[in-house]
């Protein structure tokens, strides 16, 4: 979100950026998973009345094949990407619930 705000300074005030805990520091290896999630996040199904499904296995698997992520590396890649996606889905669900109240 921070990058989005920096790229769109006129809209930055409308982009909600959560405060990041001090202990949450980004490591260079994180970018592999964030780039993958960003590329795949719209491959999911979206409900007609809101809600999102997890990124499908087929999309994750194809992305991994396209990027030569195989074997044990694929297993770790899938778990990490799924962890990011699970957090996103929880975030979306919280936001929808807040909007309903």
PDB file of N, CA and C in Angstrom:
ATOM      1  N   UNK A   1       0.817  -1.180   0.000  1.00  0.00           N
ATOM      2  CA  UNK A   1       0.000   0.000   0.000  1.00  0.00           C
ATOM      3  C   UNK A   1       0.869   1.255   0.000  1.00  0.00           C
ATOM      4  N   UNK A   2       1.988   1.154   0.708  1.00  0.00           N
ATOM      5  CA  UNK A   2       2.893   2.302   0.761  1.00  0.00           C
ATOM      6  C   UNK A   2       3.399   2.636  -0.642  1.00  0.00           C
ATOM      7  N   UNK A   3       3.772   1.609  -1.395  1.00  0.00           N
ATOM      8  CA  UNK A   3       4.255   1.824  -2.759  1.00  0.00           C
ATOM      9  C   UNK A   3       3.166   2.453  -3.615  1.00  0.00           C
ATOM     10  N   UNK A   4       1.936   1.984  -3.454  1.00  0.00           N
ATOM     11  CA  UNK A   4       0.810   2.535  -4.196  1.00  0.00           C
ATOM     12  C   UNK A   4       0.612   4.006  -3.854  1.00  0.00           C
ATOM     13  N   UNK A   5       0.717   4.339  -2.586  1.00  0.00           N
ATOM     14  CA  UNK A   5       0.574   5.740  -2.160  1.00  0.00           C
ATOM     15  C   UNK A   5       1.689   6.610  -2.735  1.00  0.00           C
ATOM     16  N   UNK A   6       2.901   6.066  -2.772  1.00  0.00           N
ATOM     17  CA  UNK A   6       4.027   6.821  -3.319  1.00  0.00           C
ATOM     18  C   UNK A   6       3.875   7.039  -4.829  1.00  0.00           C
ATOM     19  N   UNK A   7       3.313   6.047  -5.516  1.00  0.00           N
ATOM     20  CA  UNK A   7       3.118   6.149  -6.959  1.00  0.00           C
ATOM     21  C   UNK A   7       1.942   7.064  -7.317  1.00  0.00           C
ATOM     22  N   UNK A   8       1.032   7.261  -6.381  1.00  0.00           N
ATOM     23  CA  UNK A   8      -0.174   8.070  -6.602  1.00  0.00           C
ATOM     24  C   UNK A   8      -0.324   9.099  -5.495  1.00  0.00           C
ATOM     25  N   UNK A   9       0.565  10.094  -5.445  1.00  0.00           N
ATOM     26  CA  UNK A   9       0.526  11.036  -4.330  1.00  0.00           C
ATOM     27  C   UNK A   9      -0.790  11.801  -4.198  1.00  0.00           C
ATOM     28  N   UNK A  10      -1.481  12.047  -5.310  1.00  0.00           N
ATOM     29  CA  UNK A  10      -2.749  12.767  -5.228  1.00  0.00           C
ATOM     30  C   UNK A  10      -3.831  11.961  -4.511  1.00  0.00           C
ATOM     31  N   UNK A  11      -3.740  10.643  -4.600  1.00  0.00           N
ATOM     32  CA  UNK A  11      -4.729   9.776  -3.965  1.00  0.00           C
ATOM     33  C   UNK A  11      -4.228   9.210  -2.644  1.00  0.00           C
ATOM     34  N   UNK A  12      -3.008   9.538  -2.234  1.00  0.00           N
ATOM     35  CA  UNK A  12      -2.388   8.927  -1.057  1.00  0.00           C
ATOM     36  C   UNK A  12      -3.233   9.068   0.194  1.00  0.00           C
ATOM     37  N   UNK A  13      -3.911  10.186   0.359  1.00  0.00           N
ATOM     38  CA  UNK A  13      -4.695  10.383   1.577  1.00  0.00           C
ATOM     39  C   UNK A  13      -5.879   9.427   1.663  1.00  0.00           C
ATOM     40  N   UNK A  14      -6.291   8.841   0.532  1.00  0.00           N
ATOM     41  CA  UNK A  14      -7.419   7.919   0.518  1.00  0.00           C
ATOM     42  C   UNK A  14      -6.986   6.465   0.637  1.00  0.00           C
ATOM     43  N   UNK A  15      -5.686   6.218   0.571  1.00  0.00           N
ATOM     44  CA  UNK A  15      -5.161   4.859   0.659  1.00  0.00           C
ATOM     45  C   UNK A  15      -4.823   4.580   2.121  1.00  0.00           C
ATOM     46  N   UNK A  16      -5.537   3.635   2.706  1.00  0.00           N
ATOM     47  CA  UNK A  16      -5.318   3.315   4.123  1.00  0.00           C
ATOM     48  C   UNK A  16      -4.060   2.469   4.260  1.00  0.00           C
ATOM     49  N   UNK A  17      -3.082   2.997   4.975  1.00  0.00           N
ATOM     50  CA  UNK A  17      -1.837   2.279   5.215  1.00  0.00           C
ATOM     51  C   UNK A  17      -1.758   1.992   6.703  1.00  0.00           C
ATOM     52  N   UNK A  18      -1.804   0.708   7.051  1.00  0.00           N
ATOM     53  CA  UNK A  18      -1.714   0.326   8.453  1.00  0.00           C
ATOM     54  C   UNK A  18      -0.296   0.578   8.950  1.00  0.00           C
ATOM     55  N   UNK A  19      -0.200   0.970  10.212  1.00  0.00           N
ATOM     56  CA  UNK A  19       1.117   1.119  10.811  1.00  0.00           C
ATOM     57  C   UNK A  19       1.758  -0.254  10.921  1.00  0.00           C
ATOM     58  N   UNK A  20       3.006  -0.331  10.511  1.00  0.00           N
ATOM     59  CA  UNK A  20       3.731  -1.590  10.545  1.00  0.00           C
ATOM     60  C   UNK A  20       4.442  -1.712  11.891  1.00  0.00           C
ATOM     61  N   UNK A  21       4.335  -2.852  12.545  1.00  0.00           N
ATOM     62  CA  UNK A  21       5.046  -3.019  13.811  1.00  0.00           C
ATOM     63  C   UNK A  21       6.552  -2.824  13.601  1.00  0.00           C
ATOM     64  N   UNK A  22       7.201  -2.294  14.623  1.00  0.00           N
ATOM     65  CA  UNK A  22       8.629  -2.002  14.528  1.00  0.00           C
ATOM     66  C   UNK A  22       9.447  -3.243  14.192  1.00  0.00           C
ATOM     67  N   UNK A  23       9.031  -4.406  14.729  1.00  0.00           N
ATOM     68  CA  UNK A  23       9.787  -5.635  14.500  1.00  0.00           C
ATOM     69  C   UNK A  23       9.546  -6.239  13.118  1.00  0.00           C
ATOM     70  N   UNK A  24       8.592  -5.718  12.371  1.00  0.00           N
ATOM     71  CA  UNK A  24       8.283  -6.240  11.034  1.00  0.00           C
ATOM     72  C   UNK A  24       9.170  -5.561  10.003  1.00  0.00           C
ATOM     73  N   UNK A  25      10.261  -6.208   9.693  1.00  0.00           N
ATOM     74  CA  UNK A  25      11.192  -5.675   8.703  1.00  0.00           C
ATOM     75  C   UNK A  25      11.176  -6.556   7.469  1.00  0.00           C
ATOM     76  N   UNK A  26      11.247  -5.945   6.324  1.00  0.00           N
ATOM     77  CA  UNK A  26      11.254  -6.676   5.061  1.00  0.00           C
ATOM     78  C   UNK A  26      12.659  -7.186   4.760  1.00  0.00           C
ATOM     79  N   UNK A  27      12.721  -8.408   4.313  1.00  0.00           N
ATOM     80  CA  UNK A  27      13.985  -9.027   3.897  1.00  0.00           C
ATOM     81  C   UNK A  27      13.972  -9.167   2.387  1.00  0.00           C
ATOM     82  N   UNK A  28      15.134  -9.160   1.750  1.00  0.00           N
ATOM     83  CA  UNK A  28      15.175  -9.276   0.278  1.00  0.00           C
ATOM     84  C   UNK A  28      14.446 -10.506  -0.268  1.00  0.00           C
ATOM     85  N   UNK A  29      14.494 -11.631   0.454  1.00  0.00           N
ATOM     86  CA  UNK A  29      13.855 -12.841  -0.060  1.00  0.00           C
ATOM     87  C   UNK A  29      12.333 -12.770  -0.021  1.00  0.00           C
ATOM     88  N   UNK A  30      11.774 -11.835   0.721  1.00  0.00           N
ATOM     89  CA  UNK A  30      10.317 -11.685   0.759  1.00  0.00           C
ATOM     90  C   UNK A  30       9.746 -11.286  -0.603  1.00  0.00           C
ATOM     91  N   UNK A  31      10.547 -10.575  -1.384  1.00  0.00           N
ATOM     92  CA  UNK A  31      10.032 -10.035  -2.650  1.00  0.00           C
ATOM     93  C   UNK A  31       9.562 -11.126  -3.606  1.00  0.00           C
ATOM     94  N   UNK A  32      10.179 -12.302  -3.576  1.00  0.00           N
ATOM     95  CA  UNK A  32       9.737 -13.407  -4.436  1.00  0.00           C
ATOM     96  C   UNK A  32       8.270 -13.705  -4.191  1.00  0.00           C
ATOM     97  N   UNK A  33       7.893 -13.796  -2.927  1.00  0.00           N
ATOM     98  CA  UNK A  33       6.521 -14.152  -2.580  1.00  0.00           C
ATOM     99  C   UNK A  33       5.549 -13.006  -2.826  1.00  0.00           C
ATOM    100  N   UNK A  34       5.960 -11.787  -2.541  1.00  0.00           N
ATOM    101  CA  UNK A  34       5.087 -10.643  -2.786  1.00  0.00           C
ATOM    102  C   UNK A  34       4.853 -10.440  -4.279  1.00  0.00           C
ATOM    103  N   UNK A  35       5.897 -10.611  -5.095  1.00  0.00           N
ATOM    104  CA  UNK A  35       5.715 -10.481  -6.560  1.00  0.00           C
ATOM    105  C   UNK A  35       4.768 -11.557  -7.067  1.00  0.00           C
ATOM    106  N   UNK A  36       4.928 -12.772  -6.575  1.00  0.00           N
ATOM    107  CA  UNK A  36       4.051 -13.873  -6.999  1.00  0.00           C
ATOM    108  C   UNK A  36       2.609 -13.602  -6.576  1.00  0.00           C
ATOM    109  N   UNK A  37       2.421 -13.189  -5.325  1.00  0.00           N
ATOM    110  CA  UNK A  37       1.059 -12.917  -4.855  1.00  0.00           C
ATOM    111  C   UNK A  37       0.433 -11.791  -5.668  1.00  0.00           C
ATOM    112  N   UNK A  38       1.209 -10.764  -5.953  1.00  0.00           N
ATOM    113  CA  UNK A  38       0.688  -9.643  -6.741  1.00  0.00           C
ATOM    114  C   UNK A  38       0.291 -10.097  -8.146  1.00  0.00           C
ATOM    115  N   UNK A  39       1.061 -11.006  -8.727  1.00  0.00           N
ATOM    116  CA  UNK A  39       0.753 -11.510 -10.070  1.00  0.00           C
ATOM    117  C   UNK A  39      -0.466 -12.425 -10.072  1.00  0.00           C
ATOM    118  N   UNK A  40      -0.710 -13.122  -8.970  1.00  0.00           N
ATOM    119  CA  UNK A  40      -1.762 -14.141  -8.940  1.00  0.00           C
ATOM    120  C   UNK A  40      -3.035 -13.731  -8.199  1.00  0.00           C
ATOM    121  N   UNK A  41      -3.015 -12.608  -7.522  1.00  0.00           N
ATOM    122  CA  UNK A  41      -4.128 -12.286  -6.624  1.00  0.00           C
ATOM    123  C   UNK A  41      -5.468 -12.107  -7.328  1.00  0.00           C
ATOM    124  N   UNK A  42      -5.469 -11.850  -8.615  1.00  0.00           N
ATOM    125  CA  UNK A  42      -6.740 -11.701  -9.331  1.00  0.00           C
ATOM    126  C   UNK A  42      -7.131 -12.978 -10.089  1.00  0.00           C
ATOM    127  N   UNK A  43      -6.362 -14.057  -9.891  1.00  0.00           N
ATOM    128  CA  UNK A  43      -6.704 -15.341 -10.503  1.00  0.00           C
ATOM    129  C   UNK A  43      -7.761 -16.092  -9.701  1.00  0.00           C
ATOM    130  N   UNK A  44      -8.147 -15.543  -8.586  1.00  0.00           N
ATOM    131  CA  UNK A  44      -9.138 -16.172  -7.714  1.00  0.00           C
ATOM    132  C   UNK A  44     -10.549 -15.861  -8.206  1.00  0.00           C
ATOM    133  N   UNK A  45     -11.531 -16.548  -7.638  1.00  0.00           N
ATOM    134  CA  UNK A  45     -12.923 -16.246  -7.935  1.00  0.00           C
ATOM    135  C   UNK A  45     -13.421 -15.210  -6.934  1.00  0.00           C
ATOM    136  N   UNK A  46     -14.235 -14.306  -7.428  1.00  0.00           N
ATOM    137  CA  UNK A  46     -14.835 -13.272  -6.603  1.00  0.00           C
ATOM    138  C   UNK A  46     -16.333 -13.502  -6.567  1.00  0.00           C
ATOM    139  N   UNK A  47     -16.915 -13.473  -5.366  1.00  0.00           N
ATOM    140  CA  UNK A  47     -18.342 -13.704  -5.218  1.00  0.00           C
ATOM    141  C   UNK A  47     -19.159 -12.539  -5.738  1.00  0.00           C
ATOM    142  N   UNK A  48     -20.344 -12.829  -6.218  1.00  0.00           N
ATOM    143  CA  UNK A  48     -21.233 -11.791  -6.742  1.00  0.00           C
ATOM    144  C   UNK A  48     -21.658 -10.808  -5.654  1.00  0.00           C
ATOM    145  N   UNK A  49     -21.713 -11.277  -4.416  1.00  0.00           N
ATOM    146  CA  UNK A  49     -22.123 -10.423  -3.308  1.00  0.00           C
ATOM    147  C   UNK A  49     -20.956 -10.152  -2.358  1.00  0.00           C
ATOM    148  N   UNK A  50     -19.748 -10.193  -2.896  1.00  0.00           N
ATOM    149  CA  UNK A  50     -18.556  -9.987  -2.078  1.00  0.00           C
ATOM    150  C   UNK A  50     -17.890 -11.314  -1.758  1.00  0.00           C
ATOM    151  N   UNK A  51     -16.755 -11.218  -1.151  1.00  0.00           N
ATOM    152  CA  UNK A  51     -16.020 -12.423  -0.800  1.00  0.00           C
ATOM    153  C   UNK A  51     -15.077 -12.851  -1.911  1.00  0.00           C
ATOM    154  N   UNK A  52     -14.041 -13.526  -1.497  1.00  0.00           N
ATOM    155  CA  UNK A  52     -13.025 -13.999  -2.435  1.00  0.00           C
ATOM    156  C   UNK A  52     -12.623 -15.406  -2.027  1.00  0.00           C
ATOM    157  N   UNK A  53     -12.237 -16.207  -3.002  1.00  0.00           N
ATOM    158  CA  UNK A  53     -11.733 -17.541  -2.721  1.00  0.00           C
ATOM    159  C   UNK A  53     -10.199 -17.490  -2.734  1.00  0.00           C
ATOM    160  N   UNK A  54      -9.562 -18.498  -2.164  1.00  0.00           N
ATOM    161  CA  UNK A  54      -8.100 -18.530  -2.227  1.00  0.00           C
ATOM    162  C   UNK A  54      -7.605 -18.630  -3.672  1.00  0.00           C
ATOM    163  N   UNK A  55      -6.370 -18.244  -3.880  1.00  0.00           N
ATOM    164  CA  UNK A  55      -5.758 -18.398  -5.205  1.00  0.00           C
ATOM    165  C   UNK A  55      -5.722 -19.888  -5.520  1.00  0.00           C
ATOM    166  N   UNK A  56      -6.209 -20.299  -6.679  1.00  0.00           N
ATOM    167  CA  UNK A  56      -6.263 -21.726  -7.009  1.00  0.00           C
ATOM    168  C   UNK A  56      -4.872 -22.361  -7.123  1.00  0.00           C
ATOM    169  N   UNK A  57      -4.819 -23.635  -6.739  1.00  0.00           N
ATOM    170  CA  UNK A  57      -3.580 -24.400  -6.846  1.00  0.00           C
ATOM    171  C   UNK A  57      -3.029 -24.359  -8.269  1.00  0.00           C
ATOM    172  N   UNK A  58      -3.904 -24.481  -9.251  1.00  0.00           N
ATOM    173  CA  UNK A  58      -3.450 -24.507 -10.654  1.00  0.00           C
ATOM    174  C   UNK A  58      -2.706 -23.226 -11.017  1.00  0.00           C
ATOM    175  N   UNK A  59      -3.162 -22.098 -10.531  1.00  0.00           N
ATOM    176  CA  UNK A  59      -2.496 -20.823 -10.827  1.00  0.00           C
ATOM    177  C   UNK A  59      -1.132 -20.767 -10.143  1.00  0.00           C
ATOM    178  N   UNK A  60      -1.076 -21.213  -8.884  1.00  0.00           N
ATOM    179  CA  UNK A  60       0.200 -21.226  -8.160  1.00  0.00           C
ATOM    180  C   UNK A  60       1.180 -22.168  -8.841  1.00  0.00           C
ATOM    181  N   UNK A  61       0.702 -23.345  -9.201  1.00  0.00           N
ATOM    182  CA  UNK A  61       1.551 -24.343  -9.843  1.00  0.00           C
ATOM    183  C   UNK A  61       2.094 -23.849 -11.183  1.00  0.00           C
ATOM    184  N   UNK A  62       1.246 -23.224 -11.974  1.00  0.00           N
ATOM    185  CA  UNK A  62       1.695 -22.718 -13.273  1.00  0.00           C
ATOM    186  C   UNK A  62       2.716 -21.595 -13.096  1.00  0.00           C
ATOM    187  N   UNK A  63       2.472 -20.704 -12.163  1.00  0.00           N
ATOM    188  CA  UNK A  63       3.435 -19.618 -11.893  1.00  0.00           C
ATOM    189  C   UNK A  63       4.781 -20.212 -11.494  1.00  0.00           C
ATOM    190  N   UNK A  64       4.746 -21.235 -10.637  1.00  0.00           N
ATOM    191  CA  UNK A  64       5.989 -21.880 -10.206  1.00  0.00           C
ATOM    192  C   UNK A  64       6.703 -22.522 -11.388  1.00  0.00           C
ATOM    193  N   UNK A  65       5.973 -23.238 -12.233  1.00  0.00           N
ATOM    194  CA  UNK A  65       6.605 -23.847 -13.423  1.00  0.00           C
ATOM    195  C   UNK A  65       7.209 -22.779 -14.321  1.00  0.00           C
ATOM    196  N   UNK A  66       6.490 -21.678 -14.513  1.00  0.00           N
ATOM    197  CA  UNK A  66       7.000 -20.601 -15.368  1.00  0.00           C
ATOM    198  C   UNK A  66       8.273 -19.979 -14.813  1.00  0.00           C
ATOM    199  N   UNK A  67       8.470 -20.113 -13.502  1.00  0.00           N
ATOM    200  CA  UNK A  67       9.619 -19.488 -12.852  1.00  0.00           C
ATOM    201  C   UNK A  67      10.610 -20.510 -12.293  1.00  0.00           C
ATOM    202  N   UNK A  68      10.523 -21.735 -12.801  1.00  0.00           N
ATOM    203  CA  UNK A  68      11.453 -22.818 -12.423  1.00  0.00           C
ATOM    204  C   UNK A  68      11.525 -23.063 -10.921  1.00  0.00           C
ATOM    205  N   UNK A  69      10.384 -23.029 -10.260  1.00  0.00           N
ATOM    206  CA  UNK A  69      10.309 -23.338  -8.836  1.00  0.00           C
ATOM    207  C   UNK A  69       9.746 -24.753  -8.742  1.00  0.00           C
ATOM    208  N   UNK A  70      10.604 -25.710  -8.394  1.00  0.00           N
ATOM    209  CA  UNK A  70      10.207 -27.122  -8.437  1.00  0.00           C
ATOM    210  C   UNK A  70      10.603 -27.836  -7.144  1.00  0.00           C
ATOM    211  N   UNK A  71      10.083 -29.045  -6.993  1.00  0.00           N
ATOM    212  CA  UNK A  71      10.455 -29.903  -5.868  1.00  0.00           C
ATOM    213  C   UNK A  71      10.142 -29.287  -4.522  1.00  0.00           C
ATOM    214  N   UNK A  72      11.105 -29.409  -3.604  1.00  0.00           N
ATOM    215  CA  UNK A  72      10.934 -28.877  -2.249  1.00  0.00           C
ATOM    216  C   UNK A  72      10.757 -27.364  -2.283  1.00  0.00           C
ATOM    217  N   UNK A  73      11.387 -26.700  -3.254  1.00  0.00           N
ATOM    218  CA  UNK A  73      11.214 -25.251  -3.378  1.00  0.00           C
ATOM    219  C   UNK A  73       9.762 -24.903  -3.679  1.00  0.00           C
ATOM    220  N   UNK A  74       9.103 -25.741  -4.497  1.00  0.00           N
ATOM    221  CA  UNK A  74       7.696 -25.491  -4.805  1.00  0.00           C
ATOM    222  C   UNK A  74       6.837 -25.658  -3.562  1.00  0.00           C
ATOM    223  N   UNK A  75       7.126 -26.672  -2.780  1.00  0.00           N
ATOM    224  CA  UNK A  75       6.354 -26.899  -1.561  1.00  0.00           C
ATOM    225  C   UNK A  75       6.435 -25.689  -0.629  1.00  0.00           C
ATOM    226  N   UNK A  76       7.628 -25.172  -0.433  1.00  0.00           N
ATOM    227  CA  UNK A  76       7.804 -23.977   0.403  1.00  0.00           C
ATOM    228  C   UNK A  76       7.128 -22.763  -0.238  1.00  0.00           C
ATOM    229  N   UNK A  77       7.303 -22.614  -1.550  1.00  0.00           N
ATOM    230  CA  UNK A  77       6.699 -21.501  -2.275  1.00  0.00           C
ATOM    231  C   UNK A  77       5.191 -21.501  -2.092  1.00  0.00           C
ATOM    232  N   UNK A  78       4.582 -22.652  -2.245  1.00  0.00           N
ATOM    233  CA  UNK A  78       3.126 -22.761  -2.117  1.00  0.00           C
ATOM    234  C   UNK A  78       2.668 -22.430  -0.706  1.00  0.00           C
ATOM    235  N   UNK A  79       3.381 -22.930   0.304  1.00  0.00           N
ATOM    236  CA  UNK A  79       3.008 -22.638   1.692  1.00  0.00           C
ATOM    237  C   UNK A  79       3.124 -21.154   2.001  1.00  0.00           C
ATOM    238  N   UNK A  80       4.215 -20.540   1.553  1.00  0.00           N
ATOM    239  CA  UNK A  80       4.420 -19.110   1.828  1.00  0.00           C
ATOM    240  C   UNK A  80       3.373 -18.266   1.108  1.00  0.00           C
ATOM    241  N   UNK A  81       3.113 -18.580  -0.151  1.00  0.00           N
ATOM    242  CA  UNK A  81       2.125 -17.827  -0.919  1.00  0.00           C
ATOM    243  C   UNK A  81       0.730 -18.000  -0.314  1.00  0.00           C
ATOM    244  N   UNK A  82       0.429 -19.207   0.123  1.00  0.00           N
ATOM    245  CA  UNK A  82      -0.867 -19.459   0.757  1.00  0.00           C
ATOM    246  C   UNK A  82      -0.990 -18.703   2.073  1.00  0.00           C
ATOM    247  N   UNK A  83       0.101 -18.578   2.818  1.00  0.00           N
ATOM    248  CA  UNK A  83       0.073 -17.825   4.081  1.00  0.00           C
ATOM    249  C   UNK A  83      -0.240 -16.352   3.816  1.00  0.00           C
ATOM    250  N   UNK A  84       0.396 -15.786   2.812  1.00  0.00           N
ATOM    251  CA  UNK A  84       0.117 -14.393   2.446  1.00  0.00           C
ATOM    252  C   UNK A  84      -1.343 -14.254   2.027  1.00  0.00           C
ATOM    253  N   UNK A  85      -1.794 -15.180   1.199  1.00  0.00           N
ATOM    254  CA  UNK A  85      -3.160 -15.109   0.694  1.00  0.00           C
ATOM    255  C   UNK A  85      -4.176 -15.294   1.817  1.00  0.00           C
ATOM    256  N   UNK A  86      -3.894 -16.181   2.761  1.00  0.00           N
ATOM    257  CA  UNK A  86      -4.801 -16.376   3.902  1.00  0.00           C
ATOM    258  C   UNK A  86      -4.950 -15.079   4.698  1.00  0.00           C
ATOM    259  N   UNK A  87      -3.839 -14.388   4.901  1.00  0.00           N
ATOM    260  CA  UNK A  87      -3.903 -13.106   5.616  1.00  0.00           C
ATOM    261  C   UNK A  87      -4.737 -12.094   4.830  1.00  0.00           C
ATOM    262  N   UNK A  88      -4.577 -12.089   3.510  1.00  0.00           N
ATOM    263  CA  UNK A  88      -5.361 -11.181   2.674  1.00  0.00           C
ATOM    264  C   UNK A  88      -6.851 -11.486   2.801  1.00  0.00           C
ATOM    265  N   UNK A  89      -7.207 -12.763   2.743  1.00  0.00           N
ATOM    266  CA  UNK A  89      -8.614 -13.141   2.824  1.00  0.00           C
ATOM    267  C   UNK A  89      -9.211 -12.763   4.178  1.00  0.00           C
ATOM    268  N   UNK A  90      -8.425 -12.905   5.253  1.00  0.00           N
ATOM    269  CA  UNK A  90      -8.901 -12.480   6.564  1.00  0.00           C
ATOM    270  C   UNK A  90      -9.099 -10.968   6.598  1.00  0.00           C
ATOM    271  N   UNK A  91      -8.182 -10.229   5.996  1.00  0.00           N
ATOM    272  CA  UNK A  91      -8.294  -8.769   5.917  1.00  0.00           C
ATOM    273  C   UNK A  91      -9.569  -8.370   5.169  1.00  0.00           C
ATOM    274  N   UNK A  92      -9.803  -8.994   4.029  1.00  0.00           N
ATOM    275  CA  UNK A  92     -10.999  -8.689   3.230  1.00  0.00           C
ATOM    276  C   UNK A  92     -12.268  -8.997   4.024  1.00  0.00           C
ATOM    277  N   UNK A  93     -12.277 -10.119   4.714  1.00  0.00           N
ATOM    278  CA  UNK A  93     -13.455 -10.504   5.501  1.00  0.00           C
ATOM    279  C   UNK A  93     -13.707  -9.493   6.623  1.00  0.00           C
ATOM    280  N   UNK A  94     -12.644  -9.047   7.290  1.00  0.00           N
ATOM    281  CA  UNK A  94     -12.805  -8.035   8.345  1.00  0.00           C
ATOM    282  C   UNK A  94     -13.369  -6.739   7.780  1.00  0.00           C
ATOM    283  N   UNK A  95     -12.831  -6.296   6.640  1.00  0.00           N
ATOM    284  CA  UNK A  95     -13.298  -5.061   6.026  1.00  0.00           C
ATOM    285  C   UNK A  95     -14.762  -5.158   5.622  1.00  0.00           C
ATOM    286  N   UNK A  96     -15.162  -6.295   5.075  1.00  0.00           N
ATOM    287  CA  UNK A  96     -16.562  -6.491   4.691  1.00  0.00           C
ATOM    288  C   UNK A  96     -17.478  -6.482   5.909  1.00  0.00           C
ATOM    289  N   UNK A  97     -17.017  -7.124   6.985  1.00  0.00           N
ATOM    290  CA  UNK A  97     -17.815  -7.154   8.201  1.00  0.00           C
ATOM    291  C   UNK A  97     -17.970  -5.748   8.787  1.00  0.00           C
ATOM    292  N   UNK A  98     -16.883  -4.960   8.773  1.00  0.00           N
ATOM    293  CA  UNK A  98     -16.948  -3.596   9.264  1.00  0.00           C
ATOM    294  C   UNK A  98     -17.895  -2.750   8.423  1.00  0.00           C
ATOM    295  N   UNK A  99     -17.905  -2.978   7.123  1.00  0.00           N
ATOM    296  CA  UNK A  99     -18.776  -2.214   6.228  1.00  0.00           C
ATOM    297  C   UNK A  99     -20.248  -2.534   6.462  1.00  0.00           C
ATOM    298  N   UNK A 100     -20.523  -3.746   6.914  1.00  0.00           N
ATOM    299  CA  UNK A 100     -21.906  -4.167   7.167  1.00  0.00           C
ATOM    300  C   UNK A 100     -22.464  -3.574   8.455  1.00  0.00           C
ATOM    301  N   UNK A 101     -21.582  -3.189   9.360  1.00  0.00           N
ATOM    302  CA  UNK A 101     -22.073  -2.672  10.645  1.00  0.00           C
ATOM    303  C   UNK A 101     -22.143  -1.168  10.676  1.00  0.00           C
TER     304      UNK A 101
END
